[in-house]
C-alpha atoms as a PDB file:
ATOM      1  CA  UNK A   1     -12.710  91.672  -3.257  1.00  0.00           C
ATOM      2  CA  UNK A   2     -15.495  93.996  -2.446  1.00  0.00           C
ATOM      3  CA  UNK A   3     -18.023  94.740  -5.419  1.00  0.00           C
ATOM      4  CA  UNK A   4     -17.569  98.024  -7.235  1.00  0.00           C
ATOM      5  CA  UNK A   5     -20.486 100.402  -6.251  1.00  0.00           C
ATOM      6  CA  UNK A   6     -21.043 103.776  -8.137  1.00  0.00           C
ATOM      7  CA  UNK A   7     -23.232 106.304  -6.090  1.00  0.00           C
ATOM      8  CA  UNK A   8     -24.888 108.574  -8.623  1.00  0.00           C
ATOM      9  CA  UNK A   9     -25.961 111.998  -7.200  1.00  0.00           C
ATOM     10  CA  UNK A  10     -28.184 113.718  -9.570  1.00  0.00           C
ATOM     11  CA  UNK A  11     -27.866 117.594  -8.977  1.00  0.00           C
ATOM     12  CA  UNK A  12     -30.150 120.533 -10.123  1.00  0.00           C
ATOM     13  CA  UNK A  13     -29.397 123.498  -8.298  1.00  0.00           C
ATOM     14  CA  UNK A  14     -28.345 121.742  -4.902  1.00  0.00           C
ATOM     15  CA  UNK A  15     -25.563 123.856  -3.711  1.00  0.00           C
ATOM     16  CA  UNK A  16     -27.310 124.324  -0.113  1.00  0.00           C
ATOM     17  CA  UNK A  17     -26.967 120.435   0.325  1.00  0.00           C
ATOM     18  CA  UNK A  18     -24.166 119.173  -1.666  1.00  0.00           C
ATOM     19  CA  UNK A  19     -21.307 120.066   0.879  1.00  0.00           C
ATOM     20  CA  UNK A  20     -22.789 118.242   3.585  1.00  0.00           C
ATOM     21  CA  UNK A  21     -23.761 115.322   1.634  1.00  0.00           C
ATOM     22  CA  UNK A  22     -20.220 114.949   0.087  1.00  0.00           C
ATOM     23  CA  UNK A  23     -18.419 115.460   3.155  1.00  0.00           C
ATOM     24  CA  UNK A  24     -20.697 112.316   4.738  1.00  0.00           C
ATOM     25  CA  UNK A  25     -19.840 110.231   2.074  1.00  0.00           C
ATOM     26  CA  UNK A  26     -16.162 110.847   2.583  1.00  0.00           C
ATOM     27  CA  UNK A  27     -16.607 108.773   6.016  1.00  0.00           C
ATOM     28  CA  UNK A  28     -18.310 105.925   4.172  1.00  0.00           C
ATOM     29  CA  UNK A  29     -16.758 102.523   5.542  1.00  0.00           C
ATOM     30  CA  UNK A  30     -17.154 100.515   2.068  1.00  0.00           C
ATOM     31  CA  UNK A  31     -13.848 100.513   0.391  1.00  0.00           C
ATOM     32  CA  UNK A  32     -14.775  99.908  -3.316  1.00  0.00           C
ATOM     33  CA  UNK A  33     -17.242 102.835  -4.038  1.00  0.00           C
ATOM     34  CA  UNK A  34     -16.809 105.928  -6.417  1.00  0.00           C
ATOM     35  CA  UNK A  35     -19.108 108.995  -6.515  1.00  0.00           C
ATOM     36  CA  UNK A  36     -20.540 110.410  -9.786  1.00  0.00           C
ATOM     37  CA  UNK A  37     -22.060 113.753  -9.783  1.00  0.00           C
ATOM     38  CA  UNK A  38     -24.637 114.136 -12.593  1.00  0.00           C
ATOM     39  CA  UNK A  39     -25.641 117.735 -12.907  1.00  0.00           C
ATOM     40  CA  UNK A  40     -28.831 118.861 -14.825  1.00  0.00           C
ATOM     41  CA  UNK A  41     -27.454 121.975 -15.890  1.00  0.00           C
ATOM     42  CA  UNK A  42     -27.604 123.929 -12.544  1.00  0.00           C
ATOM     43  CA  UNK A  43     -27.656 127.661 -12.688  1.00  0.00           C
ATOM     44  CA  UNK A  44     -25.944 128.175  -9.000  1.00  0.00           C
ATOM     45  CA  UNK A  45     -22.469 127.358  -8.148  1.00  0.00           C
ATOM     46  CA  UNK A  46     -22.871 123.670  -7.353  1.00  0.00           C
ATOM     47  CA  UNK A  47     -20.009 122.530  -9.929  1.00  0.00           C
ATOM     48  CA  UNK A  48     -17.453 125.115  -8.779  1.00  0.00           C
ATOM     49  CA  UNK A  49     -18.240 123.890  -5.263  1.00  0.00           C
ATOM     50  CA  UNK A  50     -17.465 119.974  -6.376  1.00  0.00           C
ATOM     51  CA  UNK A  51     -14.459 120.899  -8.580  1.00  0.00           C
ATOM     52  CA  UNK A  52     -13.023 123.143  -6.047  1.00  0.00           C
ATOM     53  CA  UNK A  53     -13.339 121.180  -3.133  1.00  0.00           C
ATOM     54  CA  UNK A  54     -14.228 117.461  -4.055  1.00  0.00           C
ATOM     55  CA  UNK A  55     -11.634 116.416  -6.264  1.00  0.00           C
ATOM     56  CA  UNK A  56     -12.620 112.672  -5.873  1.00  0.00           C
ATOM     57  CA  UNK A  57     -16.054 113.153  -7.318  1.00  0.00           C
ATOM     58  CA  UNK A  58     -16.506 112.421 -11.054  1.00  0.00           C
ATOM     59  CA  UNK A  59     -18.598 115.147 -12.670  1.00  0.00           C
ATOM     60  CA  UNK A  60     -20.844 114.523 -15.533  1.00  0.00           C
ATOM     61  CA  UNK A  61     -22.755 117.591 -16.852  1.00  0.00           C
ATOM     62  CA  UNK A  62     -25.956 117.529 -18.955  1.00  0.00           C
ATOM     63  CA  UNK A  63     -26.697 120.192 -21.518  1.00  0.00           C
ATOM     64  CA  UNK A  64     -30.278 120.782 -19.998  1.00  0.00           C
ATOM     65  CA  UNK A  65     -32.513 119.774 -17.082  1.00  0.00           C
ATOM     66  CA  UNK A  66     -33.354 116.134 -18.140  1.00  0.00           C
ATOM     67  CA  UNK A  67     -35.373 115.281 -15.052  1.00  0.00           C
ATOM     68  CA  UNK A  68     -34.890 112.762 -12.651  1.00  0.00           C
ATOM     69  CA  UNK A  69     -35.180 109.519 -14.684  1.00  0.00           C
ATOM     70  CA  UNK A  70     -33.183 110.627 -17.790  1.00  0.00           C
ATOM     71  CA  UNK A  71     -30.591 112.492 -15.660  1.00  0.00           C
ATOM     72  CA  UNK A  72     -29.980 109.493 -13.602  1.00  0.00           C
ATOM     73  CA  UNK A  73     -30.173 107.316 -16.724  1.00  0.00           C
ATOM     74  CA  UNK A  74     -26.919 109.280 -17.934  1.00  0.00           C
ATOM     75  CA  UNK A  75     -25.281 108.272 -14.586  1.00  0.00           C
ATOM     76  CA  UNK A  76     -26.310 104.742 -14.811  1.00  0.00           C
ATOM     77  CA  UNK A  77     -24.996 104.156 -18.070  1.00  0.00           C
ATOM     78  CA  UNK A  78     -21.588 105.716 -17.027  1.00  0.00           C
ATOM     79  CA  UNK A  79     -21.609 103.583 -14.140  1.00  0.00           C
ATOM     80  CA  UNK A  80     -22.086 100.466 -16.007  1.00  0.00           C
ATOM     81  CA  UNK A  81     -19.488 101.351 -18.537  1.00  0.00           C
ATOM     82  CA  UNK A  82     -16.969 101.783 -15.520  1.00  0.00           C
ATOM     83  CA  UNK A  83     -17.725  98.056 -14.147  1.00  0.00           C
ATOM     84  CA  UNK A  84     -20.128  98.852 -11.506  1.00  0.00           C
ATOM     85  CA  UNK A  85     -21.986  95.758 -10.025  1.00  0.00           C
ATOM     86  CA  UNK A  86     -24.115  98.070  -7.792  1.00  0.00           C
ATOM     87  CA  UNK A  87     -25.333 101.440  -8.717  1.00  0.00           C
ATOM     88  CA  UNK A  88     -26.644 103.745  -5.745  1.00  0.00           C
ATOM     89  CA  UNK A  89     -29.095 106.404  -6.591  1.00  0.00           C
ATOM     90  CA  UNK A  90     -28.427 109.093  -3.753  1.00  0.00           C
ATOM     91  CA  UNK A  91     -30.144 112.513  -3.636  1.00  0.00           C
ATOM     92  CA  UNK A  92     -28.130 115.633  -2.783  1.00  0.00           C
ATOM     93  CA  UNK A  93     -30.022 116.402   0.068  1.00  0.00           C
ATOM     94  CA  UNK A  94     -29.000 113.547   2.145  1.00  0.00           C
ATOM     95  CA  UNK A  95     -26.214 112.786   4.746  1.00  0.00           C
ATOM     96  CA  UNK A  96     -25.195 109.099   5.060  1.00  0.00           C
ATOM     97  CA  UNK A  97     -24.049 107.081   7.992  1.00  0.00           C
ATOM     98  CA  UNK A  98     -20.448 105.598   7.712  1.00  0.00           C
ATOM     99  CA  UNK A  99     -22.028 101.916   7.367  1.00  0.00           C
ATOM    100  CA  UNK A 100     -24.680 102.915   5.191  1.00  0.00           C
ATOM    101  CA  UNK A 101     -23.342 101.569   1.925  1.00  0.00           C
ATOM    102  CA  UNK A 102     -21.347  98.328   3.306  1.00  0.00           C
ATOM    103  CA  UNK A 103     -25.100  97.422   5.042  1.00  0.00           C
ATOM    104  CA  UNK A 104     -26.580  97.605   1.768  1.00  0.00           C
ATOM    105  CA  UNK A 105     -24.222  95.791  -0.350  1.00  0.00           C
ATOM    106  CA  UNK A 106     -23.735  93.175   2.372  1.00  0.00           C
ATOM    107  CA  UNK A 107     -27.218  92.173   2.205  1.00  0.00           C
ATOM    108  CA  UNK A 108     -27.306  92.327  -1.514  1.00  0.00           C
ATOM    109  CA  UNK A 109     -24.498  89.825  -1.618  1.00  0.00           C
ATOM    110  CA  UNK A 110     -26.059  87.391   1.011  1.00  0.00           C
ATOM    111  CA  UNK A 111     -29.323  87.232  -0.806  1.00  0.00           C
ATOM    112  CA  UNK A 112     -29.218  86.770  -4.736  1.00  0.00           C
ATOM    113  CA  UNK A 113     -32.828  87.250  -5.293  1.00  0.00           C
ATOM    114  CA  UNK A 114     -32.969  90.684  -3.926  1.00  0.00           C
ATOM    115  CA  UNK A 115     -32.634  93.213  -6.956  1.00  0.00           C
ATOM    116  CA  UNK A 116     -33.091  96.550  -5.247  1.00  0.00           C
ATOM    117  CA  UNK A 117     -32.223  97.867  -1.787  1.00  0.00           C
ATOM    118  CA  UNK A 118     -32.958 101.132   0.219  1.00  0.00           C
ATOM    119  CA  UNK A 119     -31.761 102.458   3.366  1.00  0.00           C
ATOM    120  CA  UNK A 120     -34.116 103.899   6.005  1.00  0.00           C
ATOM    121  CA  UNK A 121     -34.559 107.460   5.895  1.00  0.00           C
ATOM    122  CA  UNK A 122     -34.412 109.758   9.031  1.00  0.00           C
ATOM    123  CA  UNK A 123     -35.258 113.381   9.406  1.00  0.00           C
ATOM    124  CA  UNK A 124     -32.424 115.722   8.088  1.00  0.00           C
ATOM    125  CA  UNK A 125     -31.995 117.178  11.561  1.00  0.00           C
ATOM    126  CA  UNK A 126     -33.082 115.268  14.602  1.00  0.00           C
ATOM    127  CA  UNK A 127     -33.472 111.435  15.127  1.00  0.00           C
ATOM    128  CA  UNK A 128     -37.105 110.744  14.114  1.00  0.00           C
ATOM    129  CA  UNK A 129     -38.256 109.215  10.993  1.00  0.00           C
ATOM    130  CA  UNK A 130     -38.808 111.456   7.969  1.00  0.00           C
ATOM    131  CA  UNK A 131     -42.133 111.934   6.297  1.00  0.00           C
ATOM    132  CA  UNK A 132     -41.565 109.186   3.691  1.00  0.00           C
ATOM    133  CA  UNK A 133     -40.597 106.533   6.172  1.00  0.00           C
ATOM    134  CA  UNK A 134     -43.754 107.052   8.285  1.00  0.00           C
ATOM    135  CA  UNK A 135     -45.747 107.211   5.260  1.00  0.00           C
ATOM    136  CA  UNK A 136     -44.473 104.376   3.291  1.00  0.00           C
ATOM    137  CA  UNK A 137     -44.150 102.094   6.232  1.00  0.00           C
ATOM    138  CA  UNK A 138     -46.419 102.860   9.016  1.00  0.00           C
ATOM    139  CA  UNK A 139     -46.596  99.038  10.103  1.00  0.00           C
ATOM    140  CA  UNK A 140     -42.786  98.669  10.501  1.00  0.00           C
ATOM    141  CA  UNK A 141     -42.174 101.552  12.433  1.00  0.00           C
ATOM    142  CA  UNK A 142     -41.884  99.987  15.775  1.00  0.00           C
ATOM    143  CA  UNK A 143     -39.623  97.256  14.328  1.00  0.00           C
ATOM    144  CA  UNK A 144     -37.354  99.904  12.641  1.00  0.00           C
ATOM    145  CA  UNK A 145     -36.762 101.779  15.706  1.00  0.00           C
ATOM    146  CA  UNK A 146     -34.745  99.086  17.043  1.00  0.00           C
ATOM    147  CA  UNK A 147     -32.583  98.073  14.193  1.00  0.00           C
ATOM    148  CA  UNK A 148     -30.426  95.992  16.613  1.00  0.00           C
ATOM    149  CA  UNK A 149     -33.303  93.659  16.895  1.00  0.00           C
ATOM    150  CA  UNK A 150     -35.128  94.163  13.488  1.00  0.00           C
ATOM    151  CA  UNK A 151     -34.742  91.833  10.541  1.00  0.00           C
ATOM    152  CA  UNK A 152     -31.662  92.237   8.539  1.00  0.00           C
ATOM    153  CA  UNK A 153     -33.587  92.973   5.540  1.00  0.00           C
ATOM    154  CA  UNK A 154     -37.585  93.386   4.948  1.00  0.00           C
ATOM    155  CA  UNK A 155     -39.412  92.673   1.490  1.00  0.00           C
ATOM    156  CA  UNK A 156     -41.274  95.828   0.400  1.00  0.00           C
ATOM    157  CA  UNK A 157     -43.053  96.889  -2.661  1.00  0.00           C
ATOM    158  CA  UNK A 158     -40.660  99.881  -3.389  1.00  0.00           C
ATOM    159  CA  UNK A 159     -37.946 102.027  -1.941  1.00  0.00           C
ATOM    160  CA  UNK A 160     -37.455 105.657  -2.785  1.00  0.00           C
ATOM    161  CA  UNK A 161     -35.032 106.780  -5.213  1.00  0.00           C
ATOM    162  CA  UNK A 162     -33.500 109.149  -2.780  1.00  0.00           C
ATOM    163  CA  UNK A 163     -31.355 106.328  -1.780  1.00  0.00           C
ATOM    164  CA  UNK A 164     -31.902 103.136  -3.926  1.00  0.00           C
ATOM    165  CA  UNK A 165     -29.177 100.428  -4.767  1.00  0.00           C
ATOM    166  CA  UNK A 166     -29.721  98.299  -7.825  1.00  0.00           C
ATOM    167  CA  UNK A 167     -27.570  95.471  -8.832  1.00  0.00           C
ATOM    168  CA  UNK A 168     -26.017  95.316 -12.376  1.00  0.00           C
ATOM    169  CA  UNK A 169     -27.911  92.014 -13.305  1.00  0.00           C
ATOM    170  CA  UNK A 170     -31.206  93.611 -12.473  1.00  0.00           C
ATOM    171  CA  UNK A 171     -30.681  96.629 -14.535  1.00  0.00           C
ATOM    172  CA  UNK A 172     -29.357  94.312 -17.325  1.00  0.00           C
ATOM    173  CA  UNK A 173     -32.748  92.542 -17.118  1.00  0.00           C
ATOM    174  CA  UNK A 174     -35.240  95.373 -16.429  1.00  0.00           C
ATOM    175  CA  UNK A 175     -33.671  98.459 -18.033  1.00  0.00           C
ATOM    176  CA  UNK A 176     -33.122 101.818 -16.141  1.00  0.00           C
ATOM    177  CA  UNK A 177     -35.579 104.270 -15.026  1.00  0.00           C
ATOM    178  CA  UNK A 178     -37.921 104.934 -17.485  1.00  0.00           C
ATOM    179  CA  UNK A 179     -38.042 108.262 -19.327  1.00  0.00           C
ATOM    180  CA  UNK A 180     -41.665 108.517 -19.520  1.00  0.00           C
ATOM    181  CA  UNK A 181     -41.588 109.955 -15.925  1.00  0.00           C
ATOM    182  CA  UNK A 182     -39.972 113.312 -15.879  1.00  0.00           C
ATOM    183  CA  UNK A 183     -40.024 113.324 -12.323  1.00  0.00           C
ATOM    184  CA  UNK A 184     -41.974 111.050  -9.368  1.00  0.00           C
ATOM    185  CA  UNK A 185     -43.074 107.603  -9.625  1.00  0.00           C
ATOM    186  CA  UNK A 186     -40.125 106.292 -11.583  1.00  0.00           C
ATOM    187  CA  UNK A 187     -38.485 104.549  -8.648  1.00  0.00           C
ATOM    188  CA  UNK A 188     -41.887 103.058  -7.781  1.00  0.00           C
ATOM    189  CA  UNK A 189     -42.254 101.780 -11.496  1.00  0.00           C
ATOM    190  CA  UNK A 190     -38.717 100.607 -11.365  1.00  0.00           C
ATOM    191  CA  UNK A 191     -39.370  98.425  -8.262  1.00  0.00           C
ATOM    192  CA  UNK A 192     -42.562  97.046  -9.886  1.00  0.00           C
ATOM    193  CA  UNK A 193     -40.741  95.920 -13.036  1.00  0.00           C
ATOM    194  CA  UNK A 194     -38.220  94.210 -10.523  1.00  0.00           C
ATOM    195  CA  UNK A 195     -40.914  92.533  -8.783  1.00  0.00           C
ATOM    196  CA  UNK A 196     -42.733  91.689 -11.872  1.00  0.00           C
ATOM    197  CA  UNK A 197     -39.185  89.972 -13.246  1.00  0.00           C
ATOM    198  CA  UNK A 198     -38.932  87.835  -9.975  1.00  0.00           C
ATOM    199  CA  UNK A 199     -36.575  90.012  -7.934  1.00  0.00           C
ATOM    200  CA  UNK A 200     -37.046  91.192  -4.465  1.00  0.00           C
ATOM    201  CA  UNK A 201     -36.822  94.553  -3.143  1.00  0.00           C
ATOM    202  CA  UNK A 202     -35.605  94.852   0.171  1.00  0.00           C
ATOM    203  CA  UNK A 203     -35.499  97.747   2.959  1.00  0.00           C
ATOM    204  CA  UNK A 204     -32.293  97.399   4.904  1.00  0.00           C
ATOM    205  CA  UNK A 205     -33.004  98.435   8.698  1.00  0.00           C
ATOM    206  CA  UNK A 206     -29.281  98.825   9.654  1.00  0.00           C
ATOM    207  CA  UNK A 207     -28.763 101.325   6.651  1.00  0.00           C
ATOM    208  CA  UNK A 208     -29.829 104.978   7.393  1.00  0.00           C
ATOM    209  CA  UNK A 209     -29.463 108.046   6.021  1.00  0.00           C
ATOM    210  CA  UNK A 210     -30.790 111.511   6.837  1.00  0.00           C
ATOM    211  CA  UNK A 211     -32.968 113.039   3.984  1.00  0.00           C
ATOM    212  CA  UNK A 212     -34.162 116.678   3.888  1.00  0.00           C
ATOM    213  CA  UNK A 213     -37.077 116.055   1.419  1.00  0.00           C
ATOM    214  CA  UNK A 214     -38.354 118.392  -1.086  1.00  0.00           C
ATOM    215  CA  UNK A 215     -34.900 119.872  -2.010  1.00  0.00           C
ATOM    216  CA  UNK A 216     -35.189 122.452  -5.114  1.00  0.00           C
ATOM    217  CA  UNK A 217     -38.720 121.804  -5.295  1.00  0.00           C
ATOM    218  CA  UNK A 218     -39.493 124.120  -2.247  1.00  0.00           C
ATOM    219  CA  UNK A 219     -37.540 127.000  -3.642  1.00  0.00           C
ATOM    220  CA  UNK A 220     -40.569 129.007  -4.601  1.00  0.00           C
ATOM    221  CA  UNK A 221     -44.384 128.790  -5.631  1.00  0.00           C
ATOM    222  CA  UNK A 222     -43.776 128.215  -9.210  1.00  0.00           C
ATOM    223  CA  UNK A 223     -41.357 124.980  -8.411  1.00  0.00           C
ATOM    224  CA  UNK A 224     -44.038 123.678  -5.904  1.00  0.00           C
ATOM    225  CA  UNK A 225     -46.824 124.032  -8.530  1.00  0.00           C
ATOM    226  CA  UNK A 226     -44.410 122.284 -11.002  1.00  0.00           C
ATOM    227  CA  UNK A 227     -43.832 119.748  -8.516  1.00  0.00           C
ATOM    228  CA  UNK A 228     -47.649 119.183  -8.089  1.00  0.00           C
ATOM    229  CA  UNK A 229     -48.110 118.827 -11.871  1.00  0.00           C
ATOM    230  CA  UNK A 230     -45.127 116.162 -12.412  1.00  0.00           C
ATOM    231  CA  UNK A 231     -46.403 114.138  -9.453  1.00  0.00           C
ATOM    232  CA  UNK A 232     -49.950 114.122 -10.602  1.00  0.00           C
ATOM    233  CA  UNK A 233     -48.962 113.238 -14.269  1.00  0.00           C
ATOM    234  CA  UNK A 234     -46.645 110.272 -13.231  1.00  0.00           C
ATOM    235  CA  UNK A 235     -49.379 109.036 -10.813  1.00  0.00           C
ATOM    236  CA  UNK A 236     -51.623 108.831 -13.821  1.00  0.00           C
ATOM    237  CA  UNK A 237     -49.023 107.078 -16.136  1.00  0.00           C
ATOM    238  CA  UNK A 238     -48.080 104.658 -13.220  1.00  0.00           C
ATOM    239  CA  UNK A 239     -51.746 103.542 -12.999  1.00  0.00           C
ATOM    240  CA  UNK A 240     -52.264 103.129 -16.576  1.00  0.00           C
ATOM    241  CA  UNK A 241     -49.110 100.949 -17.071  1.00  0.00           C
ATOM    242  CA  UNK A 242     -49.132  98.193 -14.403  1.00  0.00           C
ATOM    243  CA  UNK A 243     -48.157  95.141 -16.411  1.00  0.00           C
ATOM    244  CA  UNK A 244     -49.801  92.853 -13.788  1.00  0.00           C
ATOM    245  CA  UNK A 245     -53.370  94.117 -14.848  1.00  0.00           C
ATOM    246  CA  UNK A 246     -55.237  94.004 -18.028  1.00  0.00           C
ATOM    247  CA  UNK A 247     -55.589  97.511 -19.755  1.00  0.00           C
ATOM    248  CA  UNK A 248     -59.190  97.833 -18.823  1.00  0.00           C
ATOM    249  CA  UNK A 249     -58.446  97.346 -15.339  1.00  0.00           C
ATOM    250  CA  UNK A 250     -55.684 100.187 -15.519  1.00  0.00           C
ATOM    251  CA  UNK A 251     -58.142 102.438 -17.365  1.00  0.00           C
ATOM    252  CA  UNK A 252     -60.488 102.195 -14.642  1.00  0.00           C
ATOM    253  CA  UNK A 253     -57.635 102.803 -12.222  1.00  0.00           C
ATOM    254  CA  UNK A 254     -56.956 105.774 -14.021  1.00  0.00           C
ATOM    255  CA  UNK A 255     -60.615 107.067 -13.985  1.00  0.00           C
ATOM    256  CA  UNK A 256     -60.797 106.326 -10.126  1.00  0.00           C
ATOM    257  CA  UNK A 257     -57.509 108.368  -9.711  1.00  0.00           C
ATOM    258  CA  UNK A 258     -58.868 111.205 -11.806  1.00  0.00           C
ATOM    259  CA  UNK A 259     -62.240 111.231  -9.939  1.00  0.00           C
ATOM    260  CA  UNK A 260     -60.292 111.521  -6.573  1.00  0.00           C
ATOM    261  CA  UNK A 261     -58.242 114.538  -7.793  1.00  0.00           C
ATOM    262  CA  UNK A 262     -61.472 116.075  -8.709  1.00  0.00           C
ATOM    263  CA  UNK A 263     -63.178 115.698  -5.667  1.00  0.00           C
ATOM    264  CA  UNK A 264     -60.536 117.338  -3.777  1.00  0.00           C
ATOM    265  CA  UNK A 265     -60.659 120.145  -6.046  1.00  0.00           C
ATOM    266  CA  UNK A 266     -64.213 120.675  -5.638  1.00  0.00           C
ATOM    267  CA  UNK A 267     -63.481 120.739  -1.966  1.00  0.00           C
ATOM    268  CA  UNK A 268     -60.702 123.211  -2.017  1.00  0.00           C
ATOM    269  CA  UNK A 269     -60.918 124.988  -5.199  1.00  0.00           C
ATOM    270  CA  UNK A 270     -57.895 126.351  -6.713  1.00  0.00           C
ATOM    271  CA  UNK A 271     -58.383 127.628 -10.454  1.00  0.00           C
ATOM    272  CA  UNK A 272     -54.474 126.702 -11.177  1.00  0.00           C
ATOM    273  CA  UNK A 273     -55.104 123.195  -9.767  1.00  0.00           C
ATOM    274  CA  UNK A 274     -58.025 122.632 -12.028  1.00  0.00           C
ATOM    275  CA  UNK A 275     -56.213 123.995 -15.036  1.00  0.00           C
ATOM    276  CA  UNK A 276     -53.175 122.028 -14.477  1.00  0.00           C
ATOM    277  CA  UNK A 277     -55.329 118.653 -14.083  1.00  0.00           C
ATOM    278  CA  UNK A 278     -56.687 119.463 -17.460  1.00  0.00           C
ATOM    279  CA  UNK A 279     -53.448 120.036 -18.944  1.00  0.00           C
ATOM    280  CA  UNK A 280     -52.442 116.578 -17.664  1.00  0.00           C
ATOM    281  CA  UNK A 281     -55.356 114.922 -19.389  1.00  0.00           C
ATOM    282  CA  UNK A 282     -54.608 116.634 -22.794  1.00  0.00           C
ATOM    283  CA  UNK A 283     -50.852 115.420 -22.316  1.00  0.00           C
ATOM    284  CA  UNK A 284     -51.885 111.855 -21.520  1.00  0.00           C
ATOM    285  CA  UNK A 285     -54.169 111.679 -24.612  1.00  0.00           C
ATOM    286  CA  UNK A 286     -51.339 113.043 -26.900  1.00  0.00           C
ATOM    287  CA  UNK A 287     -48.931 110.380 -25.355  1.00  0.00           C
ATOM    288  CA  UNK A 288     -51.117 107.612 -24.824  1.00  0.00           C
ATOM    289  CA  UNK A 289     -49.595 105.420 -27.495  1.00  0.00           C
ATOM    290  CA  UNK A 290     -46.257 105.869 -25.621  1.00  0.00           C
ATOM    291  CA  UNK A 291     -48.250 104.753 -22.223  1.00  0.00           C
ATOM    292  CA  UNK A 292     -49.856 101.702 -24.075  1.00  0.00           C
ATOM    293  CA  UNK A 293     -46.497 100.741 -25.475  1.00  0.00           C
ATOM    294  CA  UNK A 294     -44.718 100.813 -21.981  1.00  0.00           C
ATOM    295  CA  UNK A 295     -47.573  98.601 -20.696  1.00  0.00           C
ATOM    296  CA  UNK A 296     -46.722  96.073 -23.363  1.00  0.00           C
ATOM    297  CA  UNK A 297     -43.154  96.221 -22.991  1.00  0.00           C
ATOM    298  CA  UNK A 298     -43.441  95.911 -19.232  1.00  0.00           C
ATOM    299  CA  UNK A 299     -45.765  92.945 -19.828  1.00  0.00           C
ATOM    300  CA  UNK A 300     -42.917  91.230 -21.848  1.00  0.00           C
ATOM    301  CA  UNK A 301     -40.647  91.287 -19.200  1.00  0.00           C
ATOM    302  CA  UNK A 302     -43.106  90.036 -16.441  1.00  0.00           C
ATOM    303  CA  UNK A 303     -43.844  87.133 -18.791  1.00  0.00           C
ATOM    304  CA  UNK A 304     -40.013  86.327 -19.026  1.00  0.00           C
ATOM    305  CA  UNK A 305     -40.043  85.877 -15.116  1.00  0.00           C
END
């Protein structure tokens, strides 16, 4: 019998994309899967759409916007409680191919060492790779253009949380997304912890989705600014907490990242950008103990490899 897979879609005001996403999921060829929509306190009519037109979708409503990590963790908890052997995080601004899930789980079952799998991302409209695929895997593009002759799976450092499948056993060993990240870098961190625990992270060329990218972060200038703030903050935390390195090396990596961002500001000065970078440094000082504890905890997982 096929392993139960839970597709967890975290939504925050994603009404513009949800219908196309859920309609494409109805065509999924894999037989044993469920869809769980986790809503981060949306104030558009997302829930009205889902409850009115997609009765097969289970809905879990958070009382506030918990961010990507904690919001998805609520869904992961629910999926594990329901007996899921695979939890698949999927963004609402995606459209899936019919065999997307079957190909992911087929590889996962064939290769026990794989803990996390991801699909190849294409443009939301058109036939080219999207910006994430081009940026993350420039050396693989030629192979990925011909999936029939590509490797069935390719070991990589990380796959994006827009489409990330993780095995139950891997979650039980390394934990869920770390809530120290509100948004951005949380899936890179998860993949890093998986690699440190001895798992393989795999990109599956035959599994394909179309991903709009940006979603609600492009709604207005304020959201775009928040996106930059969240991304920068998460990058600093990621660099500070690498369990494969000493704390001294991590601090040096943090300093290099800070200098790079300061140089960028000098070349293209914007007062709000400088202010946000200063705010992040104060935030990291206040929360340094949490970063230090995370580094220690992740090192323990690595030592149990």
